[in-house]
Amino acid sequence: MKKCVFKGSGVALITPFKDGHVDFEKFGDLIEFHIANKTDALIICGTTGESATMPDSEHIETIKFAVQKVAGRIPVIGGAGSNDTAHGVKLAKAVADAGVDALLLVTPYYNKCTQKGLIAHYKMMAEAVSVPCILYNVPGRTGVNIAPQTVYELSKVENIVGVKEASGKVEAAIEIAKLCGDDFAIYSGNDDINVPLMSIGAIGTISVLANVVPEDTHNMCKACLDGDYVTARELQKKYFDLINLLFIEVNPIPVKAAMNLLGMCGTEIRMPLSVMEDNNLELLKKEMKALNLIKD
C-alpha cells in the first residue's frame, strides 16, 4: 500500500519577495494564514513559487524555513526536478534532507525527452531519496507530456506515490485512474476542473486558487471526498471566473497581484516575469470585489 501524502487542498504557495530576497516575515504569515484556513498541505517552491528563478541555495533555505514554521501541523511538499537529471537528483536529495514530507518532481523541460527518457529520469530521482515522490505533469509549461502509460510504469516504483495532473485533459486523468488504481494518488493541477477530476478519483488538488480562498478550496475538496457533489459544484462555479482571471497572464503574475490586493504580499515578482497589466488588474479587482474578497 502506497503512502498517501495528503487528501484535499494543497496550495501551490507563492513566494513573497522584497528587495530581491525572499520576504520570510510575509512568508511565515502566509503559512499561518493557510493553516488557520484549513489548507491540507503546502507545496513550496513549485511553479507558482517561482522556483525557476531561485538558485538552489535559496530554494533549499525557503523549504527549510517552511518545514520549521509548519512544525508538523500539515504536510510540506518541496518542489524539485530539473531538465538535467544529475542536477535533479542533487536537488531532490537536498530538498528531502530539508525535512519535507514529500517531493513534487516537475517534468524535465526544454530538452523534450521521450517517454523512455522520462521513465529513466524519474526512476533515478525517486531512487535517490526515501521520501514519497509526486510526479508533476504540466506540458503547457515544460513542452513534455507524461503519457498515462508512462505514469503507470512509474507507479511501480515504490516511493512514486502520485501525480499532479496539469495537462488539462480529463481523459488523461481517467486513463491514469484506470491503469494505476486506487493505490496511486491523482491530484488536480487545474483549478477549473478540480471537481471533474475528483469525480473520477482524484483525491485533491495542488491549487493556485487556494492561495486566495484557502478555506473554500478546502471545502470544495472535502465535499468531493464526502460525496457531496452538489456543494462541490457550486463552489467550482462560484470561483470559475476568478480561476480564469488567475491565469489571464502567466502564473504566478495574477495570483501574486491578487495576494497583494489582499494585503498578503508585495508586488515584487522576478524577471523575466513582470507585474500584471493594468487592464487585467482591473478585471481581477472587479471579480474579487464581486466575491467580497476586497472592498472598494
Protein backbone atom coordinates (compact mmCIF):
# COMPACT_ATOMS: atom_id res chain seq x y z
CA MET A 1 0.00 0.00 0.00
CA LYS A 2 1.50 3.34 -1.08
CA LYS A 3 1.70 6.18 1.41
CA CYS A 4 -0.95 8.88 0.96
CA VAL A 5 0.78 12.24 1.43
CA PHE A 6 -2.45 14.24 1.75
CA LYS A 7 -6.08 14.41 0.70
CA GLY A 8 -7.86 17.66 -0.06
CA SER A 9 -6.45 21.09 -0.88
CA GLY A 10 -2.73 21.54 -1.28
CA VAL A 11 -1.76 25.13 -2.00
CA ALA A 12 0.89 25.83 -4.62
CA LEU A 13 2.21 28.60 -2.42
CA ILE A 14 3.56 31.88 -3.77
CA THR A 15 6.98 33.07 -2.61
CA PRO A 16 6.89 36.71 -1.43
CA PHE A 17 9.97 38.75 -2.31
CA LYS A 18 11.29 42.06 -1.01
CA ASP A 19 14.30 43.91 -2.41
CA GLY A 20 15.38 40.86 -4.38
CA HIS A 21 15.21 38.39 -1.49
CA VAL A 22 12.59 36.07 0.00
CA ASP A 23 10.47 38.06 2.45
CA PHE A 24 10.47 35.47 5.24
CA GLU A 25 8.27 37.58 7.52
CA LYS A 26 5.47 37.63 4.91
CA PHE A 27 6.18 34.00 4.05
CA GLY A 28 5.70 32.98 7.65
CA ASP A 29 2.45 34.94 7.79
CA LEU A 30 1.23 33.15 4.66
CA ILE A 31 1.97 29.76 6.19
CA GLU A 32 -0.01 30.63 9.32
CA PHE A 33 -2.84 32.02 7.17
CA HIS A 34 -3.14 28.70 5.35
CA ILE A 35 -3.00 26.56 8.46
CA ALA A 36 -5.70 28.74 10.04
CA ASN A 37 -7.88 28.46 6.93
CA LYS A 38 -7.85 24.66 6.60
CA THR A 39 -5.34 24.17 3.78
CA ASP A 40 -4.43 20.49 3.85
CA ALA A 41 -0.84 20.68 2.56
CA LEU A 42 1.73 23.27 1.48
CA ILE A 43 3.67 22.95 -1.76
CA ILE A 44 6.80 25.10 -1.52
CA CYS A 45 8.99 26.25 -4.42
CA GLY A 46 6.83 24.91 -7.22
CA THR A 47 5.97 26.76 -10.42
CA THR A 48 3.73 29.20 -8.51
CA GLY A 49 6.56 29.72 -6.01
CA GLU A 50 8.85 30.97 -8.82
CA SER A 51 11.36 28.17 -8.30
CA ALA A 52 12.69 28.67 -11.83
CA THR A 53 14.35 31.92 -10.73
CA MET A 54 15.59 30.69 -7.35
CA PRO A 55 19.18 29.46 -7.01
CA ASP A 56 19.45 26.12 -5.23
CA SER A 57 20.71 27.67 -2.00
CA GLU A 58 17.69 29.99 -1.77
CA HIS A 59 15.34 27.20 -2.85
CA ILE A 60 16.56 24.95 -0.02
CA GLU A 61 16.57 27.78 2.53
CA THR A 62 12.94 28.60 1.70
CA ILE A 63 11.83 24.99 2.05
CA LYS A 64 13.72 24.57 5.34
CA PHE A 65 12.01 27.68 6.69
CA ALA A 66 8.59 26.28 5.76
CA VAL A 67 9.31 22.91 7.36
CA GLN A 68 10.42 24.57 10.60
CA LYS A 69 7.49 27.01 10.62
CA VAL A 70 4.87 24.32 9.99
CA ALA A 71 6.43 22.05 12.63
CA GLY A 72 4.46 19.00 11.53
CA ARG A 73 1.00 20.58 11.62
CA ILE A 74 0.28 19.78 7.95
CA PRO A 75 2.37 18.10 5.23
CA VAL A 76 5.04 20.16 3.47
CA ILE A 77 5.87 19.13 -0.09
CA GLY A 78 9.02 20.52 -1.67
CA GLY A 79 9.28 21.28 -5.35
CA ALA A 80 12.24 19.75 -7.15
CA GLY A 81 13.26 18.43 -10.56
CA SER A 82 15.31 19.72 -13.45
CA ASN A 83 15.88 19.29 -17.17
CA ASP A 84 19.32 17.97 -16.16
CA THR A 85 18.81 14.63 -14.43
CA ALA A 86 22.08 14.85 -12.48
CA HIS A 87 21.08 18.27 -11.15
CA GLY A 88 17.56 16.98 -10.47
CA VAL A 89 18.94 14.15 -8.33
CA LYS A 90 21.15 16.57 -6.38
CA LEU A 91 18.26 18.97 -5.77
CA ALA A 92 15.84 16.16 -4.84
CA LYS A 93 18.30 14.89 -2.22
CA ALA A 94 18.78 18.37 -0.77
CA VAL A 95 15.03 19.05 -0.60
CA ALA A 96 14.41 15.66 1.00
CA ASP A 97 17.14 16.38 3.55
CA ALA A 98 15.36 19.66 4.40
CA GLY A 99 12.71 17.56 6.16
CA VAL A 100 9.79 17.63 3.72
CA ASP A 101 7.03 15.05 3.77
CA ALA A 102 7.24 14.51 0.00
CA LEU A 103 8.70 15.85 -3.24
CA LEU A 104 6.85 17.28 -6.23
CA LEU A 105 9.00 16.48 -9.25
CA VAL A 106 8.36 18.63 -12.29
CA THR A 107 8.71 17.10 -15.74
CA PRO A 108 12.08 17.91 -17.34
CA TYR A 109 11.60 20.92 -19.59
CA TYR A 110 13.08 22.21 -22.87
CA ASN A 111 15.03 19.04 -23.73
CA LYS A 112 11.76 17.31 -24.76
CA CYS A 113 12.81 13.77 -23.90
CA THR A 114 10.97 10.62 -24.94
CA GLN A 115 8.69 8.59 -22.67
CA LYS A 116 11.60 6.17 -22.22
CA GLY A 117 13.71 9.11 -21.09
CA LEU A 118 11.02 10.22 -18.65
CA ILE A 119 10.91 6.78 -17.05
CA ALA A 120 14.69 6.67 -16.61
CA HIS A 121 14.79 10.27 -15.34
CA TYR A 122 12.07 9.83 -12.73
CA LYS A 123 13.34 6.47 -11.56
CA MET A 124 16.78 7.91 -10.96
CA MET A 125 15.41 10.81 -8.89
CA ALA A 126 12.96 8.71 -6.89
CA GLU A 127 15.53 6.04 -6.11
CA ALA A 128 17.92 8.71 -4.81
CA VAL A 129 15.57 9.62 -1.92
CA SER A 130 13.49 7.80 0.67
CA VAL A 131 10.54 10.25 0.85
CA PRO A 132 7.39 9.87 -1.27
CA CYS A 133 7.54 11.45 -4.72
CA ILE A 134 4.69 13.01 -6.71
CA LEU A 135 5.09 13.38 -10.46
CA TYR A 136 4.19 16.81 -11.88
CA ASN A 137 2.83 16.73 -15.41
CA VAL A 138 2.47 20.25 -16.82
CA PRO A 139 3.09 20.10 -20.58
CA GLY A 140 1.91 23.67 -21.12
CA ARG A 141 4.95 24.85 -19.16
CA THR A 142 7.52 22.18 -19.97
CA GLY A 143 6.71 21.09 -23.52
CA VAL A 144 6.73 17.44 -22.41
CA ASN A 145 3.68 15.33 -21.52
CA ILE A 146 3.82 12.26 -19.28
CA ALA A 147 1.61 9.74 -21.04
CA PRO A 148 -0.80 7.74 -18.83
CA GLN A 149 1.04 4.52 -19.68
CA THR A 150 4.28 6.15 -18.52
CA VAL A 151 2.63 7.19 -15.26
CA TYR A 152 1.58 3.56 -14.84
CA GLU A 153 5.16 2.33 -15.38
CA LEU A 154 6.45 4.86 -12.87
CA SER A 155 3.75 3.93 -10.35
CA LYS A 156 5.59 0.61 -9.99
CA VAL A 157 8.44 2.49 -8.25
CA GLU A 158 7.77 2.09 -4.53
CA ASN A 159 8.07 5.73 -3.48
CA ILE A 160 6.41 7.30 -6.55
CA VAL A 161 3.00 7.65 -4.95
CA GLY A 162 1.02 10.04 -7.14
CA VAL A 163 0.80 12.61 -9.91
CA LYS A 164 -0.19 16.23 -10.16
CA GLU A 165 -2.06 16.05 -13.47
CA ALA A 166 -1.99 19.51 -15.08
CA SER A 167 -2.42 18.65 -18.74
CA GLY A 168 -5.99 19.97 -18.58
CA LYS A 169 -7.26 16.74 -20.10
CA VAL A 170 -9.87 14.93 -18.02
CA GLU A 171 -9.48 11.87 -20.23
CA ALA A 172 -5.80 11.60 -19.24
CA ALA A 173 -6.74 11.53 -15.56
CA ILE A 174 -9.39 8.90 -16.24
CA GLU A 175 -6.85 6.69 -18.01
CA ILE A 176 -4.34 7.14 -15.18
CA ALA A 177 -7.01 6.20 -12.64
CA LYS A 178 -7.94 3.14 -14.69
CA LEU A 179 -4.34 1.99 -15.13
CA CYS A 180 -2.96 2.76 -11.66
CA GLY A 181 -5.92 2.02 -9.40
CA ASP A 182 -6.91 3.50 -6.06
CA ASP A 183 -3.46 2.98 -4.51
CA PHE A 184 -1.98 5.77 -6.66
CA ALA A 185 -2.90 9.38 -5.85
CA ILE A 186 -4.10 11.77 -8.53
CA TYR A 187 -4.15 15.49 -7.76
CA SER A 188 -5.84 18.02 -9.99
CA GLY A 189 -3.35 20.55 -11.32
CA ASN A 190 -6.00 22.73 -12.98
CA ASP A 191 -8.37 24.63 -10.71
CA ASP A 192 -11.04 24.92 -13.40
CA ILE A 193 -11.54 21.13 -13.38
CA ASN A 194 -10.93 20.27 -9.72
CA VAL A 195 -14.41 18.82 -9.25
CA PRO A 196 -14.48 16.87 -12.55
CA LEU A 197 -11.13 15.25 -11.72
CA MET A 198 -12.18 14.42 -8.17
CA SER A 199 -15.39 12.88 -9.51
CA ILE A 200 -13.29 10.29 -11.36
CA GLY A 201 -10.97 9.51 -8.47
CA ALA A 202 -8.54 12.35 -7.79
CA ILE A 203 -8.07 12.79 -4.04
CA GLY A 204 -7.36 16.50 -4.05
CA THR A 205 -5.83 19.45 -5.79
CA ILE A 206 -2.50 21.24 -5.89
CA SER A 207 -4.04 24.62 -6.32
CA VAL A 208 -3.29 28.20 -7.31
CA LEU A 209 -6.82 29.26 -6.29
CA ALA A 210 -6.12 28.10 -2.73
CA ASN A 211 -3.70 30.99 -2.30
CA VAL A 212 -6.64 33.40 -2.47
CA VAL A 213 -9.54 31.39 -1.00
CA PRO A 214 -7.96 28.57 1.03
CA GLU A 215 -10.97 27.62 3.13
CA ASP A 216 -13.37 27.36 0.21
CA THR A 217 -10.83 25.38 -1.83
CA HIS A 218 -10.54 23.01 1.13
CA ASN A 219 -14.35 22.89 1.38
CA MET A 220 -14.67 22.08 -2.34
CA CYS A 221 -12.28 19.17 -2.00
CA LYS A 222 -13.83 17.94 1.24
CA ALA A 223 -17.28 17.98 -0.34
CA CYS A 224 -15.99 15.80 -3.17
CA LEU A 225 -14.31 13.40 -0.76
CA ASP A 226 -17.58 13.22 1.20
CA GLY A 227 -19.59 12.55 -1.97
CA ASP A 228 -21.40 15.90 -1.72
CA TYR A 229 -21.06 16.98 -5.32
CA VAL A 230 -23.91 19.48 -5.04
CA THR A 231 -21.82 21.62 -2.67
CA ALA A 232 -18.63 20.95 -4.62
CA ARG A 233 -20.01 22.01 -7.98
CA GLU A 234 -21.48 25.21 -6.53
CA LEU A 235 -18.04 26.19 -5.24
CA GLN A 236 -16.47 25.25 -8.58
CA LYS A 237 -18.96 27.50 -10.37
CA LYS A 238 -18.64 30.30 -7.80
CA TYR A 239 -14.92 30.68 -8.42
CA PHE A 240 -14.87 29.84 -12.14
CA ASP A 241 -14.38 33.44 -13.28
CA LEU A 242 -11.74 34.11 -10.63
CA ILE A 243 -9.86 30.96 -11.67
CA ASN A 244 -9.81 32.15 -15.28
CA LEU A 245 -8.52 35.56 -14.19
CA LEU A 246 -5.77 33.93 -12.13
CA PHE A 247 -4.46 32.62 -15.45
CA ILE A 248 -5.21 35.64 -17.66
CA GLU A 249 -1.45 36.20 -17.63
CA VAL A 250 1.20 33.58 -16.98
CA ASN A 251 1.15 32.09 -13.47
CA PRO A 252 2.08 33.41 -10.88
CA ILE A 253 1.66 37.01 -12.11
CA PRO A 254 -2.11 37.23 -11.41
CA VAL A 255 -2.11 35.30 -8.13
CA LYS A 256 0.65 37.50 -6.77
CA ALA A 257 -1.41 40.54 -7.77
CA ALA A 258 -4.44 39.03 -6.02
CA MET A 259 -2.47 38.36 -2.85
CA ASN A 260 -1.17 41.91 -2.91
CA LEU A 261 -4.76 43.17 -3.13
CA LEU A 262 -5.49 41.07 -0.03
CA GLY A 263 -2.52 42.68 1.74
CA MET A 264 -0.70 39.35 1.99
CA CYS A 265 2.44 40.18 -0.02
CA GLY A 266 4.14 42.89 -2.04
CA THR A 267 4.05 43.19 -5.81
CA GLU A 268 7.64 42.05 -6.41
CA ILE A 269 7.99 39.29 -8.97
CA ARG A 270 11.19 38.02 -10.53
CA MET A 271 12.18 38.76 -14.09
CA PRO A 272 11.55 37.81 -16.79
CA LEU A 273 8.04 37.91 -15.32
CA SER A 274 6.60 41.37 -14.80
CA VAL A 275 3.78 42.92 -12.78
CA MET A 276 0.24 42.49 -14.07
CA GLU A 277 -1.00 44.68 -16.93
CA ASP A 278 -3.27 47.47 -15.68
CA ASN A 279 -6.33 46.40 -17.70
CA ASN A 280 -6.06 42.81 -16.45
CA LEU A 281 -5.52 44.02 -12.89
CA GLU A 282 -8.77 45.96 -13.09
CA LEU A 283 -10.62 42.83 -14.22
CA LEU A 284 -9.13 40.91 -11.30
CA LYS A 285 -10.09 43.65 -8.83
CA LYS A 286 -13.65 43.73 -10.18
CA GLU A 287 -14.11 39.98 -9.69
CA MET A 288 -12.54 40.00 -6.24
CA LYS A 289 -14.92 42.79 -5.24
CA ALA A 290 -17.86 40.83 -6.62
CA LEU A 291 -16.82 37.89 -4.41
CA ASN A 292 -16.47 40.23 -1.41
CA LEU A 293 -12.79 39.36 -1.09
CA ILE A 294 -11.81 43.04 -1.19
CA LYS A 295 -13.70 46.30 -0.71
CA ASP A 296 -13.97 49.38 -2.92
